[in-house]
Amino acid sequence: MEEGFTYKDLRKIHQIERKSPSLSSIDFSFYERARKYIGNLEEMISKERNFQKRRFLEDELKNALQTFNDIYELREKKIVQAALSKVRGGSPDLKNLIPEERDLFDKMVENLSLFREKLLLGKVEERKEEVEKETLKKQVILIKEDIPTFVGTDMRKYSLKKGDVVSVDENLCLTLEKRGVGERVQLEDSTG
């Protein structure tokens, strides 16, 4: 059994979390310790031969899983509320977020802000870095022989003939080169 961590500890944390309007203070290793405790219970159940002891352990496991899930959901709800507050200009109290929860909070704020801009301000432009990534992945290739129509890795239909010069993604370019039906074209920089 996880040394020093019991169902009683889970219940205590659960009660505090339920009563507190904001995130309660928990140990940074809470989730890891709770998972380990539950894993140990599962292992004990699999090894227990006494029916009554096994039944007792199964009940403890069921209750532990429910309580652990409830704690997570209570904290998750408070994190969602904090993220909404932040996006709406508030200053939520984040002092009791543990690192994994901080990651969730940051991602939620980022996504909520993005959709807020998109829906309220009409900003539906692609992000600059996404456009740049897409541009970097494209290669120009000269087709050396006719190729029957096929669907590329980008799910687009291609009908390529000998002499065609096309821009394709890096993976398709490599495939065509390996099969000997395409040759990469190096474009010269005319800006210099």
N, C-alpha and C. Protein backbone atom coordinates (compact mmCIF):
# COMPACT_ATOMS: atom_id res chain seq x y z
N MET A 1 0.85 -1.19 0.00
CA MET A 1 0.00 0.00 0.00
C MET A 1 0.89 1.23 0.00
N GLU A 2 0.45 2.28 -0.67
CA GLU A 2 1.20 3.55 -0.72
C GLU A 2 1.40 4.03 0.72
N GLU A 3 2.66 4.12 1.10
CA GLU A 3 3.04 4.51 2.46
C GLU A 3 2.46 5.87 2.82
N GLY A 4 1.65 5.89 3.87
CA GLY A 4 1.14 7.16 4.36
C GLY A 4 -0.04 7.72 3.59
N PHE A 5 -0.54 7.06 2.58
CA PHE A 5 -1.68 7.56 1.81
C PHE A 5 -2.79 6.54 1.87
N THR A 6 -3.96 6.95 2.36
CA THR A 6 -5.07 6.03 2.56
C THR A 6 -6.37 6.61 2.01
N TYR A 7 -7.40 5.81 2.08
CA TYR A 7 -8.72 6.27 1.69
C TYR A 7 -9.15 7.45 2.57
N LYS A 8 -8.75 7.39 3.83
CA LYS A 8 -9.06 8.48 4.76
C LYS A 8 -8.47 9.81 4.26
N ASP A 9 -7.26 9.75 3.70
CA ASP A 9 -6.63 10.95 3.13
C ASP A 9 -7.44 11.48 1.95
N LEU A 10 -7.88 10.57 1.09
CA LEU A 10 -8.71 10.97 -0.06
C LEU A 10 -9.99 11.66 0.41
N ARG A 11 -10.65 11.07 1.40
CA ARG A 11 -11.90 11.63 1.91
C ARG A 11 -11.68 13.02 2.50
N LYS A 12 -10.58 13.18 3.23
CA LYS A 12 -10.28 14.48 3.86
C LYS A 12 -10.10 15.55 2.78
N ILE A 13 -9.32 15.23 1.74
CA ILE A 13 -9.09 16.17 0.64
C ILE A 13 -10.41 16.47 -0.07
N HIS A 14 -11.22 15.44 -0.26
CA HIS A 14 -12.51 15.59 -0.93
C HIS A 14 -13.41 16.56 -0.15
N GLN A 15 -13.48 16.38 1.17
CA GLN A 15 -14.34 17.24 1.99
C GLN A 15 -13.87 18.69 1.95
N ILE A 16 -12.56 18.90 2.04
CA ILE A 16 -12.01 20.26 2.00
C ILE A 16 -12.30 20.90 0.64
N GLU A 17 -12.10 20.13 -0.43
CA GLU A 17 -12.31 20.66 -1.79
C GLU A 17 -13.77 21.01 -2.01
N ARG A 18 -14.67 20.18 -1.49
CA ARG A 18 -16.10 20.43 -1.65
C ARG A 18 -16.55 21.70 -0.94
N LYS A 19 -15.97 21.97 0.22
CA LYS A 19 -16.39 23.11 1.03
C LYS A 19 -15.75 24.43 0.58
N SER A 20 -14.63 24.35 -0.10
CA SER A 20 -13.90 25.55 -0.48
C SER A 20 -14.39 26.12 -1.82
N PRO A 21 -14.68 27.43 -1.87
CA PRO A 21 -15.10 28.02 -3.14
C PRO A 21 -13.96 28.14 -4.16
N SER A 22 -12.72 28.17 -3.65
CA SER A 22 -11.56 28.21 -4.55
C SER A 22 -10.76 26.93 -4.37
N LEU A 23 -9.74 26.77 -5.19
CA LEU A 23 -8.92 25.56 -5.10
C LEU A 23 -8.27 25.46 -3.73
N SER A 24 -8.38 24.29 -3.12
CA SER A 24 -7.72 24.07 -1.84
C SER A 24 -6.26 23.71 -2.10
N SER A 25 -5.47 23.80 -1.07
CA SER A 25 -4.04 23.47 -1.19
C SER A 25 -3.86 21.95 -1.12
N ILE A 26 -3.24 21.39 -2.16
CA ILE A 26 -2.92 19.96 -2.12
C ILE A 26 -1.44 19.80 -2.43
N ASP A 27 -0.89 18.68 -2.01
CA ASP A 27 0.51 18.37 -2.26
C ASP A 27 0.74 18.22 -3.76
N PHE A 28 1.90 18.67 -4.25
CA PHE A 28 2.23 18.56 -5.67
C PHE A 28 2.14 17.12 -6.17
N SER A 29 2.37 16.16 -5.28
CA SER A 29 2.38 14.76 -5.69
C SER A 29 1.02 14.08 -5.47
N PHE A 30 -0.02 14.85 -5.19
CA PHE A 30 -1.32 14.26 -4.87
C PHE A 30 -1.80 13.27 -5.92
N TYR A 31 -1.85 13.68 -7.18
CA TYR A 31 -2.39 12.80 -8.23
C TYR A 31 -1.56 11.54 -8.35
N GLU A 32 -0.26 11.69 -8.31
CA GLU A 32 0.64 10.53 -8.41
C GLU A 32 0.43 9.58 -7.23
N ARG A 33 0.36 10.14 -6.02
CA ARG A 33 0.19 9.30 -4.83
C ARG A 33 -1.17 8.61 -4.84
N ALA A 34 -2.22 9.31 -5.28
CA ALA A 34 -3.55 8.71 -5.33
C ALA A 34 -3.59 7.59 -6.37
N ARG A 35 -2.96 7.81 -7.53
CA ARG A 35 -2.92 6.75 -8.56
C ARG A 35 -2.16 5.54 -8.05
N LYS A 36 -1.07 5.79 -7.33
CA LYS A 36 -0.27 4.68 -6.79
C LYS A 36 -1.07 3.91 -5.74
N TYR A 37 -1.77 4.62 -4.89
CA TYR A 37 -2.62 3.99 -3.88
C TYR A 37 -3.67 3.11 -4.55
N ILE A 38 -4.32 3.63 -5.58
CA ILE A 38 -5.35 2.87 -6.31
C ILE A 38 -4.72 1.66 -7.01
N GLY A 39 -3.55 1.85 -7.61
CA GLY A 39 -2.85 0.74 -8.25
C GLY A 39 -2.49 -0.36 -7.25
N ASN A 40 -2.07 0.05 -6.07
CA ASN A 40 -1.75 -0.93 -5.02
C ASN A 40 -2.99 -1.69 -4.58
N LEU A 41 -4.12 -1.00 -4.47
CA LEU A 41 -5.38 -1.67 -4.13
C LEU A 41 -5.73 -2.71 -5.19
N GLU A 42 -5.60 -2.34 -6.45
CA GLU A 42 -5.90 -3.28 -7.54
C GLU A 42 -5.00 -4.51 -7.48
N GLU A 43 -3.74 -4.28 -7.16
CA GLU A 43 -2.79 -5.39 -7.05
C GLU A 43 -3.15 -6.30 -5.87
N MET A 44 -3.52 -5.69 -4.74
CA MET A 44 -3.90 -6.48 -3.57
C MET A 44 -5.14 -7.32 -3.86
N ILE A 45 -6.09 -6.74 -4.59
CA ILE A 45 -7.32 -7.47 -4.94
C ILE A 45 -6.98 -8.69 -5.80
N SER A 46 -6.08 -8.50 -6.76
CA SER A 46 -5.74 -9.60 -7.66
C SER A 46 -5.03 -10.74 -6.93
N LYS A 47 -4.38 -10.44 -5.81
CA LYS A 47 -3.64 -11.47 -5.06
C LYS A 47 -4.44 -12.05 -3.89
N GLU A 48 -5.50 -11.37 -3.49
CA GLU A 48 -6.26 -11.80 -2.30
C GLU A 48 -7.11 -13.03 -2.61
N ARG A 49 -6.97 -14.06 -1.77
CA ARG A 49 -7.73 -15.31 -1.96
C ARG A 49 -8.95 -15.40 -1.05
N ASN A 50 -8.91 -14.68 0.07
CA ASN A 50 -10.01 -14.68 1.02
C ASN A 50 -11.15 -13.84 0.45
N PHE A 51 -12.32 -14.46 0.29
CA PHE A 51 -13.46 -13.79 -0.35
C PHE A 51 -13.86 -12.51 0.37
N GLN A 52 -13.97 -12.56 1.70
CA GLN A 52 -14.42 -11.39 2.45
C GLN A 52 -13.41 -10.25 2.39
N LYS A 53 -12.13 -10.58 2.50
CA LYS A 53 -11.09 -9.55 2.41
C LYS A 53 -11.08 -8.94 1.01
N ARG A 54 -11.24 -9.82 0.02
CA ARG A 54 -11.26 -9.35 -1.37
C ARG A 54 -12.44 -8.40 -1.59
N ARG A 55 -13.59 -8.78 -1.07
CA ARG A 55 -14.81 -7.97 -1.19
C ARG A 55 -14.60 -6.60 -0.53
N PHE A 56 -13.99 -6.62 0.66
CA PHE A 56 -13.70 -5.38 1.39
C PHE A 56 -12.78 -4.48 0.55
N LEU A 57 -11.73 -5.06 -0.04
CA LEU A 57 -10.79 -4.30 -0.87
C LEU A 57 -11.47 -3.76 -2.13
N GLU A 58 -12.36 -4.56 -2.72
CA GLU A 58 -13.09 -4.11 -3.91
C GLU A 58 -13.98 -2.91 -3.59
N ASP A 59 -14.62 -2.95 -2.41
CA ASP A 59 -15.45 -1.81 -1.99
C ASP A 59 -14.58 -0.57 -1.77
N GLU A 60 -13.42 -0.77 -1.13
CA GLU A 60 -12.51 0.35 -0.90
C GLU A 60 -12.04 0.93 -2.23
N LEU A 61 -11.73 0.05 -3.19
CA LEU A 61 -11.28 0.51 -4.51
C LEU A 61 -12.39 1.32 -5.20
N LYS A 62 -13.60 0.79 -5.17
CA LYS A 62 -14.73 1.49 -5.80
C LYS A 62 -14.91 2.88 -5.19
N ASN A 63 -14.88 2.95 -3.87
CA ASN A 63 -15.04 4.23 -3.18
C ASN A 63 -13.86 5.17 -3.46
N ALA A 64 -12.66 4.61 -3.49
CA ALA A 64 -11.47 5.42 -3.75
C ALA A 64 -11.52 6.01 -5.16
N LEU A 65 -11.90 5.19 -6.14
CA LEU A 65 -11.99 5.68 -7.52
C LEU A 65 -13.03 6.80 -7.64
N GLN A 66 -14.17 6.61 -6.99
CA GLN A 66 -15.23 7.63 -7.04
C GLN A 66 -14.77 8.93 -6.38
N THR A 67 -14.14 8.79 -5.23
CA THR A 67 -13.68 9.98 -4.49
C THR A 67 -12.59 10.70 -5.26
N PHE A 68 -11.65 9.94 -5.81
CA PHE A 68 -10.55 10.52 -6.60
C PHE A 68 -11.13 11.28 -7.80
N ASN A 69 -12.08 10.65 -8.48
CA ASN A 69 -12.73 11.29 -9.64
C ASN A 69 -13.47 12.57 -9.21
N ASP A 70 -14.16 12.50 -8.08
CA ASP A 70 -14.88 13.68 -7.59
C ASP A 70 -13.92 14.83 -7.29
N ILE A 71 -12.80 14.52 -6.66
CA ILE A 71 -11.80 15.55 -6.35
C ILE A 71 -11.33 16.20 -7.64
N TYR A 72 -11.00 15.36 -8.62
CA TYR A 72 -10.54 15.90 -9.91
C TYR A 72 -11.60 16.81 -10.52
N GLU A 73 -12.85 16.35 -10.55
CA GLU A 73 -13.91 17.13 -11.18
C GLU A 73 -14.20 18.44 -10.45
N LEU A 74 -14.12 18.42 -9.12
CA LEU A 74 -14.29 19.66 -8.35
C LEU A 74 -13.19 20.66 -8.70
N ARG A 75 -11.95 20.17 -8.75
CA ARG A 75 -10.82 21.04 -9.07
C ARG A 75 -10.90 21.50 -10.53
N GLU A 76 -11.27 20.59 -11.41
CA GLU A 76 -11.40 20.93 -12.83
C GLU A 76 -12.42 22.06 -13.03
N LYS A 77 -13.55 21.96 -12.35
CA LYS A 77 -14.59 23.00 -12.46
C LYS A 77 -14.04 24.35 -12.00
N LYS A 78 -13.30 24.35 -10.91
CA LYS A 78 -12.73 25.60 -10.39
C LYS A 78 -11.67 26.16 -11.34
N ILE A 79 -10.93 25.27 -12.00
CA ILE A 79 -9.92 25.71 -12.98
C ILE A 79 -10.61 26.32 -14.20
N VAL A 80 -11.69 25.71 -14.65
CA VAL A 80 -12.46 26.25 -15.78
C VAL A 80 -13.00 27.64 -15.41
N GLN A 81 -13.53 27.77 -14.21
CA GLN A 81 -14.05 29.07 -13.77
C GLN A 81 -12.94 30.12 -13.70
N ALA A 82 -11.76 29.70 -13.22
CA ALA A 82 -10.62 30.62 -13.14
C ALA A 82 -10.18 31.05 -14.54
N ALA A 83 -10.17 30.10 -15.49
CA ALA A 83 -9.78 30.42 -16.87
C ALA A 83 -10.77 31.41 -17.49
N LEU A 84 -12.05 31.18 -17.27
CA LEU A 84 -13.07 32.11 -17.77
C LEU A 84 -12.88 33.50 -17.16
N SER A 85 -12.62 33.53 -15.87
CA SER A 85 -12.39 34.80 -15.19
C SER A 85 -11.20 35.53 -15.79
N LYS A 86 -10.12 34.81 -16.03
CA LYS A 86 -8.91 35.40 -16.60
C LYS A 86 -9.19 35.98 -17.99
N VAL A 87 -9.88 35.21 -18.83
CA VAL A 87 -10.18 35.65 -20.20
C VAL A 87 -11.08 36.88 -20.19
N ARG A 88 -11.92 36.98 -19.19
CA ARG A 88 -12.86 38.11 -19.09
C ARG A 88 -12.25 39.30 -18.34
N GLY A 89 -10.94 39.22 -18.08
CA GLY A 89 -10.25 40.35 -17.47
C GLY A 89 -10.06 40.28 -15.97
N GLY A 90 -10.46 39.19 -15.37
CA GLY A 90 -10.33 39.04 -13.92
C GLY A 90 -8.92 38.61 -13.51
N SER A 91 -8.72 38.53 -12.20
CA SER A 91 -7.44 38.07 -11.65
C SER A 91 -7.71 36.92 -10.69
N PRO A 92 -7.94 35.72 -11.23
CA PRO A 92 -8.26 34.59 -10.36
C PRO A 92 -7.08 34.20 -9.46
N ASP A 93 -7.41 33.63 -8.31
CA ASP A 93 -6.40 33.17 -7.37
C ASP A 93 -5.86 31.82 -7.86
N LEU A 94 -4.59 31.78 -8.23
CA LEU A 94 -4.00 30.57 -8.81
C LEU A 94 -2.95 29.94 -7.90
N LYS A 95 -2.85 30.42 -6.66
CA LYS A 95 -1.75 29.98 -5.80
C LYS A 95 -1.79 28.48 -5.48
N ASN A 96 -2.96 27.86 -5.53
CA ASN A 96 -3.05 26.44 -5.19
C ASN A 96 -3.08 25.50 -6.40
N LEU A 97 -2.81 26.05 -7.59
CA LEU A 97 -2.69 25.18 -8.77
C LEU A 97 -1.39 24.41 -8.68
N ILE A 98 -1.45 23.11 -8.93
CA ILE A 98 -0.21 22.35 -9.03
C ILE A 98 0.22 22.38 -10.50
N PRO A 99 1.48 22.04 -10.82
CA PRO A 99 1.98 22.21 -12.20
C PRO A 99 1.11 21.60 -13.29
N GLU A 100 0.60 20.38 -13.09
CA GLU A 100 -0.23 19.76 -14.13
C GLU A 100 -1.51 20.57 -14.35
N GLU A 101 -2.06 21.09 -13.27
CA GLU A 101 -3.28 21.88 -13.37
C GLU A 101 -2.99 23.24 -14.00
N ARG A 102 -1.80 23.77 -13.75
CA ARG A 102 -1.42 25.05 -14.35
C ARG A 102 -1.37 24.91 -15.87
N ASP A 103 -0.89 23.76 -16.33
CA ASP A 103 -0.84 23.48 -17.76
C ASP A 103 -2.26 23.48 -18.34
N LEU A 104 -3.18 22.83 -17.66
CA LEU A 104 -4.59 22.82 -18.09
C LEU A 104 -5.14 24.24 -18.12
N PHE A 105 -4.90 25.01 -17.07
CA PHE A 105 -5.37 26.39 -16.99
C PHE A 105 -4.84 27.22 -18.16
N ASP A 106 -3.53 27.15 -18.41
CA ASP A 106 -2.91 27.93 -19.48
C ASP A 106 -3.49 27.58 -20.85
N LYS A 107 -3.68 26.29 -21.10
CA LYS A 107 -4.23 25.85 -22.39
C LYS A 107 -5.68 26.32 -22.56
N MET A 108 -6.43 26.28 -21.46
CA MET A 108 -7.83 26.73 -21.53
C MET A 108 -7.90 28.23 -21.80
N VAL A 109 -7.06 29.00 -21.12
CA VAL A 109 -7.04 30.45 -21.35
C VAL A 109 -6.68 30.74 -22.80
N GLU A 110 -5.67 30.03 -23.30
CA GLU A 110 -5.25 30.23 -24.70
C GLU A 110 -6.39 29.93 -25.66
N ASN A 111 -7.05 28.79 -25.48
CA ASN A 111 -8.15 28.40 -26.38
C ASN A 111 -9.36 29.31 -26.25
N LEU A 112 -9.72 29.66 -25.03
CA LEU A 112 -10.85 30.56 -24.83
C LEU A 112 -10.57 31.92 -25.46
N SER A 113 -9.37 32.42 -25.30
CA SER A 113 -9.00 33.72 -25.90
C SER A 113 -9.05 33.66 -27.41
N LEU A 114 -8.54 32.56 -27.98
CA LEU A 114 -8.53 32.39 -29.42
C LEU A 114 -9.95 32.38 -29.98
N PHE A 115 -10.84 31.61 -29.36
CA PHE A 115 -12.22 31.55 -29.84
C PHE A 115 -12.96 32.85 -29.59
N ARG A 116 -12.64 33.53 -28.50
CA ARG A 116 -13.25 34.83 -28.23
C ARG A 116 -12.90 35.80 -29.35
N GLU A 117 -11.63 35.85 -29.74
CA GLU A 117 -11.20 36.72 -30.85
C GLU A 117 -11.89 36.32 -32.15
N LYS A 118 -11.92 35.03 -32.39
CA LYS A 118 -12.49 34.53 -33.64
C LYS A 118 -13.98 34.87 -33.75
N LEU A 119 -14.72 34.62 -32.68
CA LEU A 119 -16.17 34.79 -32.74
C LEU A 119 -16.62 36.24 -32.52
N LEU A 120 -15.97 36.94 -31.61
CA LEU A 120 -16.39 38.32 -31.33
C LEU A 120 -15.79 39.34 -32.27
N LEU A 121 -14.53 39.11 -32.64
CA LEU A 121 -13.83 40.10 -33.46
C LEU A 121 -13.71 39.68 -34.92
N GLY A 122 -14.14 38.46 -35.23
CA GLY A 122 -14.10 38.01 -36.61
C GLY A 122 -12.71 37.68 -37.12
N LYS A 123 -11.78 37.45 -36.23
CA LYS A 123 -10.41 37.12 -36.65
C LYS A 123 -10.33 35.64 -36.96
N VAL A 124 -10.41 35.32 -38.25
CA VAL A 124 -10.34 33.93 -38.67
C VAL A 124 -9.11 33.68 -39.52
N GLU A 125 -8.16 34.62 -39.44
CA GLU A 125 -6.94 34.45 -40.22
C GLU A 125 -6.16 33.27 -39.67
N GLU A 126 -5.44 32.62 -40.55
CA GLU A 126 -4.57 31.55 -40.09
C GLU A 126 -3.42 32.16 -39.33
N ARG A 127 -2.92 31.43 -38.35
CA ARG A 127 -1.77 31.92 -37.60
C ARG A 127 -0.55 31.92 -38.51
N LYS A 128 0.27 32.92 -38.34
CA LYS A 128 1.44 33.10 -39.19
C LYS A 128 2.35 31.88 -39.16
N GLU A 129 2.59 31.32 -37.95
CA GLU A 129 3.50 30.18 -37.87
C GLU A 129 2.95 28.94 -38.57
N GLU A 130 1.63 28.77 -38.57
CA GLU A 130 1.04 27.63 -39.27
C GLU A 130 1.25 27.77 -40.77
N VAL A 131 1.08 28.97 -41.28
CA VAL A 131 1.30 29.22 -42.71
C VAL A 131 2.76 28.97 -43.05
N GLU A 132 3.66 29.45 -42.21
CA GLU A 132 5.09 29.25 -42.46
C GLU A 132 5.46 27.77 -42.43
N LYS A 133 4.90 27.02 -41.48
CA LYS A 133 5.18 25.58 -41.40
C LYS A 133 4.74 24.90 -42.69
N GLU A 134 3.53 25.24 -43.14
CA GLU A 134 2.99 24.63 -44.36
C GLU A 134 3.87 24.93 -45.55
N THR A 135 4.34 26.17 -45.64
CA THR A 135 5.20 26.58 -46.74
C THR A 135 6.51 25.81 -46.71
N LEU A 136 7.06 25.62 -45.52
CA LEU A 136 8.33 24.91 -45.39
C LEU A 136 8.21 23.44 -45.80
N LYS A 137 7.05 22.86 -45.64
CA LYS A 137 6.87 21.44 -45.93
C LYS A 137 6.71 21.16 -47.43
N LYS A 138 6.44 22.17 -48.24
CA LYS A 138 6.21 21.97 -49.67
C LYS A 138 7.53 21.87 -50.44
N GLN A 139 7.53 21.02 -51.46
CA GLN A 139 8.69 20.85 -52.34
C GLN A 139 8.21 20.91 -53.78
N VAL A 140 9.05 21.45 -54.65
CA VAL A 140 8.74 21.49 -56.08
C VAL A 140 9.40 20.27 -56.71
N ILE A 141 8.62 19.57 -57.55
CA ILE A 141 9.13 18.33 -58.15
C ILE A 141 8.76 18.28 -59.63
N LEU A 142 9.68 17.77 -60.46
CA LEU A 142 9.46 17.57 -61.89
C LEU A 142 9.05 16.11 -62.08
N ILE A 143 7.92 15.89 -62.75
CA ILE A 143 7.43 14.54 -63.00
C ILE A 143 8.11 14.00 -64.25
N LYS A 144 8.76 12.82 -64.13
CA LYS A 144 9.56 12.25 -65.22
C LYS A 144 8.78 11.29 -66.11
N GLU A 145 7.62 10.82 -65.65
CA GLU A 145 6.78 9.95 -66.48
C GLU A 145 5.33 10.04 -66.01
N ASP A 146 4.40 9.64 -66.89
CA ASP A 146 2.98 9.69 -66.54
C ASP A 146 2.72 8.79 -65.33
N ILE A 147 1.88 9.28 -64.42
CA ILE A 147 1.53 8.51 -63.22
C ILE A 147 0.01 8.40 -63.18
N PRO A 148 -0.52 7.18 -62.98
CA PRO A 148 -1.97 7.03 -62.86
C PRO A 148 -2.50 7.89 -61.71
N THR A 149 -3.75 8.33 -61.82
CA THR A 149 -4.37 9.15 -60.77
C THR A 149 -4.28 8.44 -59.42
N PHE A 150 -3.92 9.20 -58.38
CA PHE A 150 -3.80 8.65 -57.03
C PHE A 150 -4.18 9.71 -56.00
N VAL A 151 -4.41 9.26 -54.78
CA VAL A 151 -4.71 10.18 -53.67
C VAL A 151 -3.45 10.29 -52.82
N GLY A 152 -2.98 11.53 -52.62
CA GLY A 152 -1.76 11.77 -51.85
C GLY A 152 -2.00 11.71 -50.35
N THR A 153 -0.92 11.86 -49.59
CA THR A 153 -1.02 11.82 -48.13
C THR A 153 -1.83 12.99 -47.59
N ASP A 154 -2.00 14.04 -48.40
CA ASP A 154 -2.80 15.19 -48.00
C ASP A 154 -4.27 15.01 -48.38
N MET A 155 -4.62 13.79 -48.85
CA MET A 155 -5.98 13.41 -49.24
C MET A 155 -6.48 14.14 -50.48
N ARG A 156 -5.56 14.70 -51.27
CA ARG A 156 -5.94 15.34 -52.54
C ARG A 156 -5.67 14.37 -53.68
N LYS A 157 -6.48 14.48 -54.74
CA LYS A 157 -6.34 13.61 -55.90
C LYS A 157 -5.31 14.24 -56.85
N TYR A 158 -4.36 13.42 -57.31
CA TYR A 158 -3.32 13.89 -58.23
C TYR A 158 -3.41 13.13 -59.54
N SER A 159 -3.33 13.86 -60.67
CA SER A 159 -3.22 13.29 -62.02
C SER A 159 -1.98 13.94 -62.63
N LEU A 160 -0.85 13.26 -62.54
CA LEU A 160 0.42 13.86 -62.97
C LEU A 160 0.91 13.25 -64.27
N LYS A 161 1.38 14.12 -65.15
CA LYS A 161 1.89 13.71 -66.47
C LYS A 161 3.36 14.07 -66.58
N LYS A 162 4.06 13.38 -67.46
CA LYS A 162 5.47 13.65 -67.71
C LYS A 162 5.65 15.12 -68.07
N GLY A 163 6.63 15.76 -67.40
CA GLY A 163 6.92 17.17 -67.67
C GLY A 163 6.22 18.14 -66.72
N ASP A 164 5.24 17.65 -65.95
CA ASP A 164 4.58 18.53 -64.98
C ASP A 164 5.57 18.95 -63.91
N VAL A 165 5.47 20.20 -63.48
CA VAL A 165 6.25 20.70 -62.35
C VAL A 165 5.22 21.12 -61.30
N VAL A 166 5.24 20.43 -60.15
CA VAL A 166 4.22 20.66 -59.13
C VAL A 166 4.84 20.87 -57.76
N SER A 167 4.07 21.54 -56.90
CA SER A 167 4.46 21.73 -55.50
C SER A 167 3.68 20.73 -54.67
N VAL A 168 4.40 19.86 -53.96
CA VAL A 168 3.76 18.82 -53.15
C VAL A 168 4.40 18.81 -51.77
N ASP A 169 3.75 18.12 -50.82
CA ASP A 169 4.35 18.06 -49.49
C ASP A 169 5.59 17.17 -49.50
N GLU A 170 6.43 17.35 -48.51
CA GLU A 170 7.72 16.66 -48.42
C GLU A 170 7.58 15.14 -48.52
N ASN A 171 6.60 14.56 -47.84
CA ASN A 171 6.42 13.10 -47.86
C ASN A 171 6.12 12.58 -49.26
N LEU A 172 5.22 13.26 -49.96
CA LEU A 172 4.88 12.84 -51.32
C LEU A 172 6.08 13.01 -52.24
N CYS A 173 6.82 14.08 -52.07
CA CYS A 173 8.03 14.32 -52.87
C CYS A 173 9.01 13.15 -52.70
N LEU A 174 9.24 12.75 -51.46
CA LEU A 174 10.16 11.63 -51.19
C LEU A 174 9.67 10.34 -51.83
N THR A 175 8.37 10.08 -51.74
CA THR A 175 7.80 8.86 -52.34
C THR A 175 7.99 8.85 -53.85
N LEU A 176 7.70 9.97 -54.50
CA LEU A 176 7.85 10.05 -55.96
C LEU A 176 9.32 9.90 -56.37
N GLU A 177 10.23 10.46 -55.59
CA GLU A 177 11.66 10.31 -55.88
C GLU A 177 12.09 8.86 -55.73
N LYS A 178 11.66 8.20 -54.67
CA LYS A 178 12.05 6.80 -54.43
C LYS A 178 11.56 5.89 -55.55
N ARG A 179 10.40 6.20 -56.10
CA ARG A 179 9.86 5.37 -57.19
C ARG A 179 10.45 5.74 -58.54
N GLY A 180 11.27 6.77 -58.56
CA GLY A 180 11.94 7.15 -59.80
C GLY A 180 11.06 7.88 -60.79
N VAL A 181 9.91 8.38 -60.35
CA VAL A 181 9.00 9.07 -61.27
C VAL A 181 9.02 10.58 -61.09
N GLY A 182 9.80 11.06 -60.12
CA GLY A 182 9.88 12.49 -59.87
C GLY A 182 11.28 12.90 -59.48
N GLU A 183 11.59 14.16 -59.76
CA GLU A 183 12.91 14.69 -59.43
C GLU A 183 12.73 16.07 -58.80
N ARG A 184 13.30 16.24 -57.62
CA ARG A 184 13.20 17.50 -56.89
C ARG A 184 13.84 18.63 -57.70
N VAL A 185 13.15 19.78 -57.73
CA VAL A 185 13.66 20.94 -58.45
C VAL A 185 14.14 21.95 -57.42
N GLN A 186 15.39 22.36 -57.55
CA GLN A 186 15.93 23.38 -56.65
C GLN A 186 15.64 24.75 -57.25
N LEU A 187 14.91 25.56 -56.52
CA LEU A 187 14.59 26.90 -57.00
C LEU A 187 15.67 27.86 -56.55
N GLU A 188 16.11 28.70 -57.48
CA GLU A 188 17.13 29.69 -57.15
C GLU A 188 16.47 30.90 -56.53
N ASP A 189 17.13 31.49 -55.55
CA ASP A 189 16.62 32.69 -54.89
C ASP A 189 16.95 33.89 -55.75
N SER A 190 15.93 34.56 -56.29
CA SER A 190 16.16 35.69 -57.20
C SER A 190 16.13 37.02 -56.47
N THR A 191 16.05 36.98 -55.13
CA THR A 191 15.98 38.23 -54.37
C THR A 191 17.36 38.79 -54.07
N GLY A 192 18.42 37.99 -54.24
CA GLY A 192 19.74 38.42 -53.84
C GLY A 192 20.43 39.02 -54.95
